[in-house]
Full PDB file with SEQRES, HELIX, SHEET, SSBOND, CRYST1, ORIGX, SCALE, CONECT and MASTER records, all heavy atoms in Angstrom:
SEQRES   1 A   43  VAL LEU ALA VAL GLY GLU GLY ALA LEU MET ALA VAL GLN          
SEQRES   2 A   43  ALA VAL GLY ILE ILE TRP LEU LEU LYS LEU SER TRP GLY          
SEQRES   3 A   43  LEU TRP HIS SER ARG ALA GLY ARG MET ASP ILE SER THR          
SEQRES   4 A   43  SER ALA SER ILE                                              
HELIX    1 AA1 GLU A    6  TRP A   28  1                                  23    
HELIX    2 AA2 THR A   39  SER A   42  1                                   4    
CRYST1    1.000    1.000    1.000  90.00  90.00  90.00 P 1           1          
ORIGX1      1.000000  0.000000  0.000000        0.00000                         
ORIGX2      0.000000  1.000000  0.000000        0.00000                         
ORIGX3      0.000000  0.000000  1.000000        0.00000                         
SCALE1      1.000000  0.000000  0.000000        0.00000                         
SCALE2      0.000000  1.000000  0.000000        0.00000                         
SCALE3      0.000000  0.000000  1.000000        0.00000                         
ATOM      1  N   VAL A   1     -22.844   3.317 -55.427  1.00  0.00           N  
ATOM      2  CA  VAL A   1     -24.174   2.737 -55.365  1.00  0.00           C  
ATOM      3  C   VAL A   1     -24.371   1.971 -54.079  1.00  0.00           C  
ATOM      4  O   VAL A   1     -25.467   1.897 -53.532  1.00  0.00           O  
ATOM      5  CB  VAL A   1     -24.407   1.805 -56.575  1.00  0.00           C  
ATOM      6  CG1 VAL A   1     -25.769   1.137 -56.494  1.00  0.00           C  
ATOM      7  CG2 VAL A   1     -24.293   2.596 -57.867  1.00  0.00           C  
ATOM      8  N   LEU A   2     -23.289   1.389 -53.558  1.00  0.00           N  
ATOM      9  CA  LEU A   2     -23.409   0.550 -52.366  1.00  0.00           C  
ATOM     10  C   LEU A   2     -22.228   0.825 -51.444  1.00  0.00           C  
ATOM     11  O   LEU A   2     -21.096   0.926 -51.891  1.00  0.00           O  
ATOM     12  CB  LEU A   2     -23.425  -0.935 -52.767  1.00  0.00           C  
ATOM     13  CG  LEU A   2     -23.472  -1.966 -51.650  1.00  0.00           C  
ATOM     14  CD1 LEU A   2     -24.802  -1.877 -50.905  1.00  0.00           C  
ATOM     15  CD2 LEU A   2     -23.277  -3.361 -52.216  1.00  0.00           C  
ATOM     16  N   ALA A   3     -22.493   0.922 -50.172  1.00  0.00           N  
ATOM     17  CA  ALA A   3     -21.429   1.083 -49.179  1.00  0.00           C  
ATOM     18  C   ALA A   3     -21.333  -0.208 -48.383  1.00  0.00           C  
ATOM     19  O   ALA A   3     -22.300  -0.651 -47.792  1.00  0.00           O  
ATOM     20  CB  ALA A   3     -21.737   2.248 -48.249  1.00  0.00           C  
ATOM     21  N   VAL A   4     -20.150  -0.813 -48.418  1.00  0.00           N  
ATOM     22  CA  VAL A   4     -19.949  -2.055 -47.679  1.00  0.00           C  
ATOM     23  C   VAL A   4     -19.433  -1.718 -46.289  1.00  0.00           C  
ATOM     24  O   VAL A   4     -18.387  -1.085 -46.147  1.00  0.00           O  
ATOM     25  CB  VAL A   4     -18.949  -2.971 -48.412  1.00  0.00           C  
ATOM     26  CG1 VAL A   4     -18.691  -4.230 -47.598  1.00  0.00           C  
ATOM     27  CG2 VAL A   4     -19.476  -3.332 -49.784  1.00  0.00           C  
ATOM     28  N   GLY A   5     -20.177  -2.129 -45.282  1.00  0.00           N  
ATOM     29  CA  GLY A   5     -19.781  -1.821 -43.913  1.00  0.00           C  
ATOM     30  C   GLY A   5     -18.647  -2.696 -43.429  1.00  0.00           C  
ATOM     31  O   GLY A   5     -18.418  -3.788 -43.942  1.00  0.00           O  
ATOM     32  N   GLU A   6     -17.931  -2.213 -42.434  1.00  0.00           N  
ATOM     33  CA  GLU A   6     -16.809  -2.968 -41.869  1.00  0.00           C  
ATOM     34  C   GLU A   6     -17.282  -4.271 -41.235  1.00  0.00           C  
ATOM     35  O   GLU A   6     -16.593  -5.288 -41.305  1.00  0.00           O  
ATOM     36  CB  GLU A   6     -16.096  -2.106 -40.821  1.00  0.00           C  
ATOM     37  CG  GLU A   6     -14.843  -2.751 -40.263  1.00  0.00           C  
ATOM     38  CD  GLU A   6     -14.140  -1.856 -39.253  1.00  0.00           C  
ATOM     39  OE1 GLU A   6     -14.468  -0.663 -39.189  1.00  0.00           O  
ATOM     40  OE2 GLU A   6     -13.263  -2.374 -38.532  1.00  0.00           O  
ATOM     41  N   GLY A   7     -18.472  -4.245 -40.638  1.00  0.00           N  
ATOM     42  CA  GLY A   7     -19.006  -5.447 -40.008  1.00  0.00           C  
ATOM     43  C   GLY A   7     -19.213  -6.569 -40.996  1.00  0.00           C  
ATOM     44  O   GLY A   7     -18.947  -7.744 -40.701  1.00  0.00           O  
ATOM     45  N   ALA A   8     -19.667  -6.230 -42.211  1.00  0.00           N  
ATOM     46  CA  ALA A   8     -19.892  -7.247 -43.238  1.00  0.00           C  
ATOM     47  C   ALA A   8     -18.573  -7.883 -43.661  1.00  0.00           C  
ATOM     48  O   ALA A   8     -18.477  -9.107 -43.838  1.00  0.00           O  
ATOM     49  CB  ALA A   8     -20.588  -6.627 -44.442  1.00  0.00           C  
ATOM     50  N   LEU A   9     -17.545  -7.066 -43.802  1.00  0.00           N  
ATOM     51  CA  LEU A   9     -16.238  -7.594 -44.186  1.00  0.00           C  
ATOM     52  C   LEU A   9     -15.670  -8.498 -43.089  1.00  0.00           C  
ATOM     53  O   LEU A   9     -15.047  -9.528 -43.376  1.00  0.00           O  
ATOM     54  CB  LEU A   9     -15.266  -6.450 -44.483  1.00  0.00           C  
ATOM     55  CG  LEU A   9     -15.553  -5.630 -45.750  1.00  0.00           C  
ATOM     56  CD1 LEU A   9     -14.549  -4.502 -45.879  1.00  0.00           C  
ATOM     57  CD2 LEU A   9     -15.519  -6.513 -46.976  1.00  0.00           C  
ATOM     58  N   MET A  10     -15.886  -8.120 -41.839  1.00  0.00           N  
ATOM     59  CA  MET A  10     -15.391  -8.939 -40.732  1.00  0.00           C  
ATOM     60  C   MET A  10     -16.122 -10.283 -40.677  1.00  0.00           C  
ATOM     61  O   MET A  10     -15.520 -11.309 -40.364  1.00  0.00           O  
ATOM     62  CB  MET A  10     -15.554  -8.180 -39.416  1.00  0.00           C  
ATOM     63  CG  MET A  10     -14.633  -6.969 -39.292  1.00  0.00           C  
ATOM     64  SD  MET A  10     -14.890  -6.035 -37.764  1.00  0.00           S  
ATOM     65  CE  MET A  10     -14.222  -7.165 -36.557  1.00  0.00           C  
ATOM     66  N   ALA A  11     -17.402 -10.278 -41.018  1.00  0.00           N  
ATOM     67  CA  ALA A  11     -18.170 -11.528 -41.041  1.00  0.00           C  
ATOM     68  C   ALA A  11     -17.639 -12.455 -42.125  1.00  0.00           C  
ATOM     69  O   ALA A  11     -17.478 -13.670 -41.914  1.00  0.00           O  
ATOM     70  CB  ALA A  11     -19.649 -11.225 -41.268  1.00  0.00           C  
ATOM     71  N   VAL A  12     -17.338 -11.887 -43.287  1.00  0.00           N  
ATOM     72  CA  VAL A  12     -16.776 -12.687 -44.377  1.00  0.00           C  
ATOM     73  C   VAL A  12     -15.417 -13.242 -43.976  1.00  0.00           C  
ATOM     74  O   VAL A  12     -15.076 -14.388 -44.264  1.00  0.00           O  
ATOM     75  CB  VAL A  12     -16.662 -11.840 -45.670  1.00  0.00           C  
ATOM     76  CG1 VAL A  12     -15.913 -12.599 -46.749  1.00  0.00           C  
ATOM     77  CG2 VAL A  12     -18.049 -11.457 -46.168  1.00  0.00           C  
ATOM     78  N   GLN A  13     -14.628 -12.419 -43.289  1.00  0.00           N  
ATOM     79  CA  GLN A  13     -13.323 -12.870 -42.808  1.00  0.00           C  
ATOM     80  C   GLN A  13     -13.460 -14.061 -41.874  1.00  0.00           C  
ATOM     81  O   GLN A  13     -12.694 -15.024 -41.962  1.00  0.00           O  
ATOM     82  CB  GLN A  13     -12.609 -11.724 -42.074  1.00  0.00           C  
ATOM     83  CG  GLN A  13     -11.628 -10.979 -42.937  1.00  0.00           C  
ATOM     84  CD  GLN A  13     -10.818  -9.998 -42.112  1.00  0.00           C  
ATOM     85  OE1 GLN A  13     -11.326  -9.382 -41.179  1.00  0.00           O  
ATOM     86  NE2 GLN A  13      -9.566  -9.836 -42.457  1.00  0.00           N  
ATOM     87  N   ALA A  14     -14.431 -13.992 -40.962  1.00  0.00           N  
ATOM     88  CA  ALA A  14     -14.639 -15.071 -39.999  1.00  0.00           C  
ATOM     89  C   ALA A  14     -14.986 -16.374 -40.710  1.00  0.00           C  
ATOM     90  O   ALA A  14     -14.467 -17.444 -40.372  1.00  0.00           O  
ATOM     91  CB  ALA A  14     -15.739 -14.688 -39.009  1.00  0.00           C  
ATOM     92  N   VAL A  15     -15.866 -16.290 -41.709  1.00  0.00           N  
ATOM     93  CA  VAL A  15     -16.223 -17.487 -42.478  1.00  0.00           C  
ATOM     94  C   VAL A  15     -14.998 -18.006 -43.231  1.00  0.00           C  
ATOM     95  O   VAL A  15     -14.771 -19.220 -43.333  1.00  0.00           O  
ATOM     96  CB  VAL A  15     -17.376 -17.175 -43.459  1.00  0.00           C  
ATOM     97  CG1 VAL A  15     -17.677 -18.388 -44.336  1.00  0.00           C  
ATOM     98  CG2 VAL A  15     -18.620 -16.764 -42.698  1.00  0.00           C  
ATOM     99  N   GLY A  16     -14.194 -17.097 -43.757  1.00  0.00           N  
ATOM    100  CA  GLY A  16     -12.974 -17.488 -44.464  1.00  0.00           C  
ATOM    101  C   GLY A  16     -11.997 -18.220 -43.566  1.00  0.00           C  
ATOM    102  O   GLY A  16     -11.347 -19.185 -43.994  1.00  0.00           O  
ATOM    103  N   ILE A  17     -11.881 -17.792 -42.330  1.00  0.00           N  
ATOM    104  CA  ILE A  17     -11.000 -18.458 -41.363  1.00  0.00           C  
ATOM    105  C   ILE A  17     -11.454 -19.894 -41.150  1.00  0.00           C  
ATOM    106  O   ILE A  17     -10.644 -20.839 -41.164  1.00  0.00           O  
ATOM    107  CB  ILE A  17     -10.987 -17.697 -40.020  1.00  0.00           C  
ATOM    108  CG1 ILE A  17     -10.274 -16.356 -40.191  1.00  0.00           C  
ATOM    109  CG2 ILE A  17     -10.314 -18.522 -38.926  1.00  0.00           C  
ATOM    110  CD1 ILE A  17     -10.492 -15.403 -39.032  1.00  0.00           C  
ATOM    111  N   ILE A  18     -12.759 -20.071 -40.960  1.00  0.00           N  
ATOM    112  CA  ILE A  18     -13.309 -21.416 -40.743  1.00  0.00           C  
ATOM    113  C   ILE A  18     -13.046 -22.299 -41.965  1.00  0.00           C  
ATOM    114  O   ILE A  18     -12.674 -23.467 -41.838  1.00  0.00           O  
ATOM    115  CB  ILE A  18     -14.821 -21.333 -40.452  1.00  0.00           C  
ATOM    116  CG1 ILE A  18     -15.050 -20.611 -39.124  1.00  0.00           C  
ATOM    117  CG2 ILE A  18     -15.452 -22.724 -40.421  1.00  0.00           C  
ATOM    118  CD1 ILE A  18     -16.496 -20.263 -38.849  1.00  0.00           C  
ATOM    119  N   TRP A  19     -13.207 -21.727 -43.145  1.00  0.00           N  
ATOM    120  CA  TRP A  19     -13.002 -22.501 -44.372  1.00  0.00           C  
ATOM    121  C   TRP A  19     -11.540 -22.912 -44.531  1.00  0.00           C  
ATOM    122  O   TRP A  19     -11.242 -24.053 -44.901  1.00  0.00           O  
ATOM    123  CB  TRP A  19     -13.461 -21.684 -45.574  1.00  0.00           C  
ATOM    124  CG  TRP A  19     -13.474 -22.504 -46.827  1.00  0.00           C  
ATOM    125  CD1 TRP A  19     -12.591 -22.475 -47.863  1.00  0.00           C  
ATOM    126  CD2 TRP A  19     -14.423 -23.526 -47.156  1.00  0.00           C  
ATOM    127  NE1 TRP A  19     -12.932 -23.395 -48.813  1.00  0.00           N  
ATOM    128  CE2 TRP A  19     -14.057 -24.050 -48.400  1.00  0.00           C  
ATOM    129  CE3 TRP A  19     -15.550 -24.028 -46.505  1.00  0.00           C  
ATOM    130  CZ2 TRP A  19     -14.775 -25.072 -49.023  1.00  0.00           C  
ATOM    131  CZ3 TRP A  19     -16.266 -25.042 -47.127  1.00  0.00           C  
ATOM    132  CH2 TRP A  19     -15.873 -25.550 -48.364  1.00  0.00           C  
ATOM    133  N   LEU A  20     -10.619 -22.006 -44.248  1.00  0.00           N  
ATOM    134  CA  LEU A  20      -9.195 -22.335 -44.331  1.00  0.00           C  
ATOM    135  C   LEU A  20      -8.834 -23.451 -43.353  1.00  0.00           C  
ATOM    136  O   LEU A  20      -8.074 -24.371 -43.683  1.00  0.00           O  
ATOM    137  CB  LEU A  20      -8.349 -21.094 -44.043  1.00  0.00           C  
ATOM    138  CG  LEU A  20      -8.257 -20.048 -45.155  1.00  0.00           C  
ATOM    139  CD1 LEU A  20      -7.554 -18.804 -44.644  1.00  0.00           C  
ATOM    140  CD2 LEU A  20      -7.533 -20.614 -46.371  1.00  0.00           C  
ATOM    141  N   LEU A  21      -9.372 -23.383 -42.151  1.00  0.00           N  
ATOM    142  CA  LEU A  21      -9.094 -24.410 -41.144  1.00  0.00           C  
ATOM    143  C   LEU A  21      -9.690 -25.756 -41.559  1.00  0.00           C  
ATOM    144  O   LEU A  21      -9.081 -26.811 -41.326  1.00  0.00           O  
ATOM    145  CB  LEU A  21      -9.642 -23.984 -39.785  1.00  0.00           C  
ATOM    146  CG  LEU A  21      -8.915 -22.808 -39.128  1.00  0.00           C  
ATOM    147  CD1 LEU A  21      -9.632 -22.369 -37.854  1.00  0.00           C  
ATOM    148  CD2 LEU A  21      -7.456 -23.163 -38.830  1.00  0.00           C  
ATOM    149  N   LYS A  22     -10.850 -25.730 -42.200  1.00  0.00           N  
ATOM    150  CA  LYS A  22     -11.471 -26.959 -42.689  1.00  0.00           C  
ATOM    151  C   LYS A  22     -10.600 -27.614 -43.763  1.00  0.00           C  
ATOM    152  O   LYS A  22     -10.367 -28.826 -43.759  1.00  0.00           O  
ATOM    153  CB  LYS A  22     -12.863 -26.659 -43.248  1.00  0.00           C  
ATOM    154  CG  LYS A  22     -13.585 -27.884 -43.817  1.00  0.00           C  
ATOM    155  CD  LYS A  22     -14.930 -27.490 -44.382  1.00  0.00           C  
ATOM    156  CE  LYS A  22     -15.647 -28.707 -44.971  1.00  0.00           C  
ATOM    157  NZ  LYS A  22     -14.940 -29.285 -46.128  1.00  0.00           N  
ATOM    158  N   LEU A  23     -10.116 -26.799 -44.695  1.00  0.00           N  
ATOM    159  CA  LEU A  23      -9.234 -27.320 -45.730  1.00  0.00           C  
ATOM    160  C   LEU A  23      -7.948 -27.872 -45.129  1.00  0.00           C  
ATOM    161  O   LEU A  23      -7.449 -28.931 -45.520  1.00  0.00           O  
ATOM    162  CB  LEU A  23      -8.898 -26.216 -46.743  1.00  0.00           C  
ATOM    163  CG  LEU A  23     -10.012 -25.770 -47.694  1.00  0.00           C  
ATOM    164  CD1 LEU A  23      -9.534 -24.595 -48.530  1.00  0.00           C  
ATOM    165  CD2 LEU A  23     -10.453 -26.917 -48.589  1.00  0.00           C  
ATOM    166  N   SER A  24      -7.396 -27.137 -44.175  1.00  0.00           N  
ATOM    167  CA  SER A  24      -6.159 -27.563 -43.515  1.00  0.00           C  
ATOM    168  C   SER A  24      -6.351 -28.893 -42.806  1.00  0.00           C  
ATOM    169  O   SER A  24      -5.509 -29.796 -42.905  1.00  0.00           O  
ATOM    170  CB  SER A  24      -5.715 -26.480 -42.518  1.00  0.00           C  
ATOM    171  OG  SER A  24      -4.574 -26.896 -41.808  1.00  0.00           O  
ATOM    172  N   TRP A  25      -7.462 -29.033 -42.089  1.00  0.00           N  
ATOM    173  CA  TRP A  25      -7.756 -30.275 -41.366  1.00  0.00           C  
ATOM    174  C   TRP A  25      -7.849 -31.460 -42.328  1.00  0.00           C  
ATOM    175  O   TRP A  25      -7.302 -32.530 -42.076  1.00  0.00           O  
ATOM    176  CB  TRP A  25      -9.064 -30.108 -40.582  1.00  0.00           C  
ATOM    177  CG  TRP A  25      -9.488 -31.335 -39.819  1.00  0.00           C  
ATOM    178  CD1 TRP A  25     -10.283 -32.352 -40.278  1.00  0.00           C  
ATOM    179  CD2 TRP A  25      -9.115 -31.683 -38.478  1.00  0.00           C  
ATOM    180  NE1 TRP A  25     -10.444 -33.304 -39.309  1.00  0.00           N  
ATOM    181  CE2 TRP A  25      -9.747 -32.914 -38.192  1.00  0.00           C  
ATOM    182  CE3 TRP A  25      -8.347 -31.074 -37.498  1.00  0.00           C  
ATOM    183  CZ2 TRP A  25      -9.609 -33.552 -36.955  1.00  0.00           C  
ATOM    184  CZ3 TRP A  25      -8.222 -31.704 -36.275  1.00  0.00           C  
ATOM    185  CH2 TRP A  25      -8.835 -32.917 -36.009  1.00  0.00           C  
ATOM    186  N   GLY A  26      -8.547 -31.258 -43.432  1.00  0.00           N  
ATOM    187  CA  GLY A  26      -8.702 -32.328 -44.413  1.00  0.00           C  
ATOM    188  C   GLY A  26      -7.382 -32.752 -45.024  1.00  0.00           C  
ATOM    189  O   GLY A  26      -7.121 -33.952 -45.225  1.00  0.00           O  
ATOM    190  N   LEU A  27      -6.531 -31.781 -45.320  1.00  0.00           N  
ATOM    191  CA  LEU A  27      -5.219 -32.099 -45.899  1.00  0.00           C  
ATOM    192  C   LEU A  27      -4.336 -32.842 -44.895  1.00  0.00           C  
ATOM    193  O   LEU A  27      -3.665 -33.817 -45.238  1.00  0.00           O  
ATOM    194  CB  LEU A  27      -4.521 -30.809 -46.342  1.00  0.00           C  
ATOM    195  CG  LEU A  27      -5.026 -30.184 -47.639  1.00  0.00           C  
ATOM    196  CD1 LEU A  27      -4.493 -28.766 -47.791  1.00  0.00           C  
ATOM    197  CD2 LEU A  27      -4.620 -31.032 -48.843  1.00  0.00           C  
ATOM    198  N   TRP A  28      -4.320 -32.380 -43.654  1.00  0.00           N  
ATOM    199  CA  TRP A  28      -3.454 -32.984 -42.645  1.00  0.00           C  
ATOM    200  C   TRP A  28      -3.842 -34.428 -42.348  1.00  0.00           C  
ATOM    201  O   TRP A  28      -2.982 -35.275 -42.134  1.00  0.00           O  
ATOM    202  CB  TRP A  28      -3.484 -32.157 -41.368  1.00  0.00           C  
ATOM    203  CG  TRP A  28      -2.541 -32.688 -40.314  1.00  0.00           C  
ATOM    204  CD1 TRP A  28      -2.820 -33.586 -39.334  1.00  0.00           C  
ATOM    205  CD2 TRP A  28      -1.147 -32.373 -40.203  1.00  0.00           C  
ATOM    206  NE1 TRP A  28      -1.697 -33.844 -38.587  1.00  0.00           N  
ATOM    207  CE2 TRP A  28      -0.650 -33.117 -39.093  1.00  0.00           C  
ATOM    208  CE3 TRP A  28      -0.287 -31.531 -40.905  1.00  0.00           C  
ATOM    209  CZ2 TRP A  28       0.686 -33.038 -38.704  1.00  0.00           C  
ATOM    210  CZ3 TRP A  28       1.035 -31.455 -40.496  1.00  0.00           C  
ATOM    211  CH2 TRP A  28       1.504 -32.207 -39.409  1.00  0.00           C  
ATOM    212  N   HIS A  29      -5.129 -34.696 -42.334  1.00  0.00           N  
ATOM    213  CA  HIS A  29      -5.612 -36.017 -41.932  1.00  0.00           C  
ATOM    214  C   HIS A  29      -5.884 -36.950 -43.109  1.00  0.00           C  
ATOM    215  O   HIS A  29      -6.501 -38.002 -42.926  1.00  0.00           O  
ATOM    216  CB  HIS A  29      -6.880 -35.874 -41.082  1.00  0.00           C  
ATOM    217  CG  HIS A  29      -6.615 -35.280 -39.737  1.00  0.00           C  
ATOM    218  ND1 HIS A  29      -6.113 -36.001 -38.687  1.00  0.00           N  
ATOM    219  CD2 HIS A  29      -6.753 -34.000 -39.280  1.00  0.00           C  
ATOM    220  CE1 HIS A  29      -5.959 -35.215 -37.629  1.00  0.00           C  
ATOM    221  NE2 HIS A  29      -6.344 -33.997 -37.966  1.00  0.00           N  
ATOM    222  N   SER A  30      -5.442 -36.577 -44.304  1.00  0.00           N  
ATOM    223  CA  SER A  30      -5.590 -37.496 -45.433  1.00  0.00           C  
ATOM    224  C   SER A  30      -4.584 -38.628 -45.253  1.00  0.00           C  
ATOM    225  O   SER A  30      -3.377 -38.413 -45.259  1.00  0.00           O  
ATOM    226  CB  SER A  30      -5.343 -36.767 -46.756  1.00  0.00           C  
ATOM    227  OG  SER A  30      -4.057 -36.178 -46.768  1.00  0.00           O  
ATOM    228  N   ARG A  31      -5.083 -39.849 -45.056  1.00  0.00           N  
ATOM    229  CA  ARG A  31      -4.207 -40.986 -44.748  1.00  0.00           C  
ATOM    230  C   ARG A  31      -3.448 -41.446 -45.981  1.00  0.00           C  
ATOM    231  O   ARG A  31      -2.261 -41.721 -45.934  1.00  0.00           O  
ATOM    232  CB  ARG A  31      -5.022 -42.145 -44.169  1.00  0.00           C  
ATOM    233  CG  ARG A  31      -5.646 -41.802 -42.828  1.00  0.00           C  
ATOM    234  CD  ARG A  31      -6.324 -43.005 -42.209  1.00  0.00           C  
ATOM    235  NE  ARG A  31      -6.893 -42.657 -40.902  1.00  0.00           N  
ATOM    236  CZ  ARG A  31      -6.212 -42.639 -39.782  1.00  0.00           C  
ATOM    237  NH1 ARG A  31      -4.932 -42.950 -39.799  1.00  0.00           N  
ATOM    238  NH2 ARG A  31      -6.791 -42.315 -38.641  1.00  0.00           N  
ATOM    239  N   ALA A  32      -4.147 -41.557 -47.083  1.00  0.00           N  
ATOM    240  CA  ALA A  32      -3.482 -42.001 -48.307  1.00  0.00           C  
ATOM    241  C   ALA A  32      -2.783 -40.819 -48.949  1.00  0.00           C  
ATOM    242  O   ALA A  32      -3.182 -39.670 -48.767  1.00  0.00           O  
ATOM    243  CB  ALA A  32      -4.504 -42.582 -49.281  1.00  0.00           C  
ATOM    244  N   GLY A  33      -1.744 -41.124 -49.718  1.00  0.00           N  
ATOM    245  CA  GLY A  33      -1.038 -40.054 -50.398  1.00  0.00           C  
ATOM    246  C   GLY A  33      -1.915 -39.362 -51.416  1.00  0.00           C  
ATOM    247  O   GLY A  33      -1.834 -38.176 -51.625  1.00  0.00           O  
ATOM    248  N   ARG A  34      -2.796 -40.148 -52.030  1.00  0.00           N  
ATOM    249  CA  ARG A  34      -3.675 -39.584 -53.051  1.00  0.00           C  
ATOM    250  C   ARG A  34      -5.066 -39.395 -52.479  1.00  0.00           C  
ATOM    251  O   ARG A  34      -5.611 -40.280 -51.846  1.00  0.00           O  
ATOM    252  CB  ARG A  34      -3.718 -40.511 -54.258  1.00  0.00           C  
ATOM    253  CG  ARG A  34      -4.570 -39.984 -55.404  1.00  0.00           C  
ATOM    254  CD  ARG A  34      -4.294 -40.785 -56.658  1.00  0.00           C  
ATOM    255  NE  ARG A  34      -5.071 -40.286 -57.776  1.00  0.00           N  
ATOM    256  CZ  ARG A  34      -4.791 -40.549 -59.034  1.00  0.00           C  
ATOM    257  NH1 ARG A  34      -3.741 -41.296 -59.322  1.00  0.00           N  
ATOM    258  NH2 ARG A  34      -5.537 -40.086 -60.005  1.00  0.00           N  
ATOM    259  N   MET A  35      -5.663 -38.221 -52.716  1.00  0.00           N  
ATOM    260  CA  MET A  35      -6.992 -37.918 -52.190  1.00  0.00           C  
ATOM    261  C   MET A  35      -8.025 -38.030 -53.300  1.00  0.00           C  
ATOM    262  O   MET A  35      -7.742 -37.719 -54.453  1.00  0.00           O  
ATOM    263  CB  MET A  35      -7.021 -36.493 -51.618  1.00  0.00           C  
ATOM    264  CG  MET A  35      -6.050 -36.254 -50.483  1.00  0.00           C  
ATOM    265  SD  MET A  35      -5.946 -34.502 -50.058  1.00  0.00           S  
ATOM    266  CE  MET A  35      -7.621 -34.188 -49.519  1.00  0.00           C  
ATOM    267  N   ASP A  36      -9.217 -38.505 -52.939  1.00  0.00           N  
ATOM    268  CA  ASP A  36     -10.328 -38.532 -53.890  1.00  0.00           C  
ATOM    269  C   ASP A  36     -11.074 -37.213 -53.784  1.00  0.00           C  
ATOM    270  O   ASP A  36     -11.676 -36.911 -52.754  1.00  0.00           O  
ATOM    271  CB  ASP A  36     -11.268 -39.707 -53.591  1.00  0.00           C  
ATOM    272  CG  ASP A  36     -10.596 -41.049 -53.865  1.00  0.00           C  
ATOM    273  OD1 ASP A  36      -9.808 -41.116 -54.825  1.00  0.00           O  
ATOM    274  OD2 ASP A  36     -10.853 -42.007 -53.118  1.00  0.00           O  
ATOM    275  N   ILE A  37     -11.043 -36.424 -54.842  1.00  0.00           N  
ATOM    276  CA  ILE A  37     -11.686 -35.121 -54.851  1.00  0.00           C  
ATOM    277  C   ILE A  37     -12.712 -35.101 -55.976  1.00  0.00           C  
ATOM    278  O   ILE A  37     -12.362 -35.323 -57.135  1.00  0.00           O  
ATOM    279  CB  ILE A  37     -10.669 -33.983 -55.062  1.00  0.00           C  
ATOM    280  CG1 ILE A  37      -9.549 -34.051 -54.016  1.00  0.00           C  
ATOM    281  CG2 ILE A  37     -11.352 -32.624 -54.993  1.00  0.00           C  
ATOM    282  CD1 ILE A  37      -8.459 -33.038 -54.226  1.00  0.00           C  
ATOM    283  N   SER A  38     -13.962 -34.830 -55.647  1.00  0.00           N  
ATOM    284  CA  SER A  38     -15.004 -34.774 -56.665  1.00  0.00           C  
ATOM    285  C   SER A  38     -14.931 -33.446 -57.411  1.00  0.00           C  
ATOM    286  O   SER A  38     -14.364 -32.464 -56.914  1.00  0.00           O  
ATOM    287  CB  SER A  38     -16.383 -34.939 -56.028  1.00  0.00           C  
ATOM    288  OG  SER A  38     -16.685 -33.816 -55.222  1.00  0.00           O  
ATOM    289  N   THR A  39     -15.499 -33.437 -58.601  1.00  0.00           N  
ATOM    290  CA  THR A  39     -15.501 -32.207 -59.397  1.00  0.00           C  
ATOM    291  C   THR A  39     -16.255 -31.095 -58.673  1.00  0.00           C  
ATOM    292  O   THR A  39     -15.795 -29.948 -58.619  1.00  0.00           O  
ATOM    293  CB  THR A  39     -16.153 -32.460 -60.768  1.00  0.00           C  
ATOM    294  OG1 THR A  39     -15.420 -33.495 -61.448  1.00  0.00           O  
ATOM    295  CG2 THR A  39     -16.148 -31.195 -61.620  1.00  0.00           C  
ATOM    296  N   SER A  40     -17.409 -31.428 -58.097  1.00  0.00           N  
ATOM    297  CA  SER A  40     -18.212 -30.406 -57.403  1.00  0.00           C  
ATOM    298  C   SER A  40     -17.471 -29.836 -56.204  1.00  0.00           C  
ATOM    299  O   SER A  40     -17.501 -28.623 -55.959  1.00  0.00           O  
ATOM    300  CB  SER A  40     -19.553 -31.002 -56.959  1.00  0.00           C  
ATOM    301  OG  SER A  40     -19.351 -32.100 -56.090  1.00  0.00           O  
ATOM    302  N   ALA A  41     -16.772 -30.712 -55.452  1.00  0.00           N  
ATOM    303  CA  ALA A  41     -16.017 -30.243 -54.283  1.00  0.00           C  
ATOM    304  C   ALA A  41     -14.865 -29.347 -54.706  1.00  0.00           C  
ATOM    305  O   ALA A  41     -14.561 -28.347 -54.060  1.00  0.00           O  
ATOM    306  CB  ALA A  41     -15.501 -31.430 -53.474  1.00  0.00           C  
ATOM    307  N   SER A  42     -14.222 -29.695 -55.816  1.00  0.00           N  
ATOM    308  CA  SER A  42     -13.092 -28.907 -56.292  1.00  0.00           C  
ATOM    309  C   SER A  42     -13.554 -27.536 -56.790  1.00  0.00           C  
ATOM    310  O   SER A  42     -12.909 -26.516 -56.525  1.00  0.00           O  
ATOM    311  CB  SER A  42     -12.371 -29.661 -57.408  1.00  0.00           C  
ATOM    312  OG  SER A  42     -11.132 -29.060 -57.687  1.00  0.00           O  
ATOM    313  N   ILE A  43     -14.690 -27.516 -57.498  1.00  0.00           N  
ATOM    314  CA  ILE A  43     -15.245 -26.242 -57.963  1.00  0.00           C  
ATOM    315  C   ILE A  43     -15.621 -25.376 -56.758  1.00  0.00           C  
ATOM    316  O   ILE A  43     -15.336 -24.176 -56.716  1.00  0.00           O  
ATOM    317  CB  ILE A  43     -16.481 -26.480 -58.850  1.00  0.00           C  
ATOM    318  CG1 ILE A  43     -16.048 -27.118 -60.177  1.00  0.00           C  
ATOM    319  CG2 ILE A  43     -17.241 -25.181 -59.105  1.00  0.00           C  
ATOM    320  CD1 ILE A  43     -17.198 -27.555 -61.046  1.00  0.00           C  
TER     321      ILE A  43                                                      
MASTER        0    0    0    2    0    0    0    6  320    1    0    4          
END                                                                             
């Protein structure tokens, strides 16, 4: 029914890279041992 183009998958990959780096940055720079994570952010 639908053909997913390679360009669309590459775009999703690029966004995924940015998201992984964002998560990594937040984890590395958490000063306290315990992090405050909201339910919405975790979902």
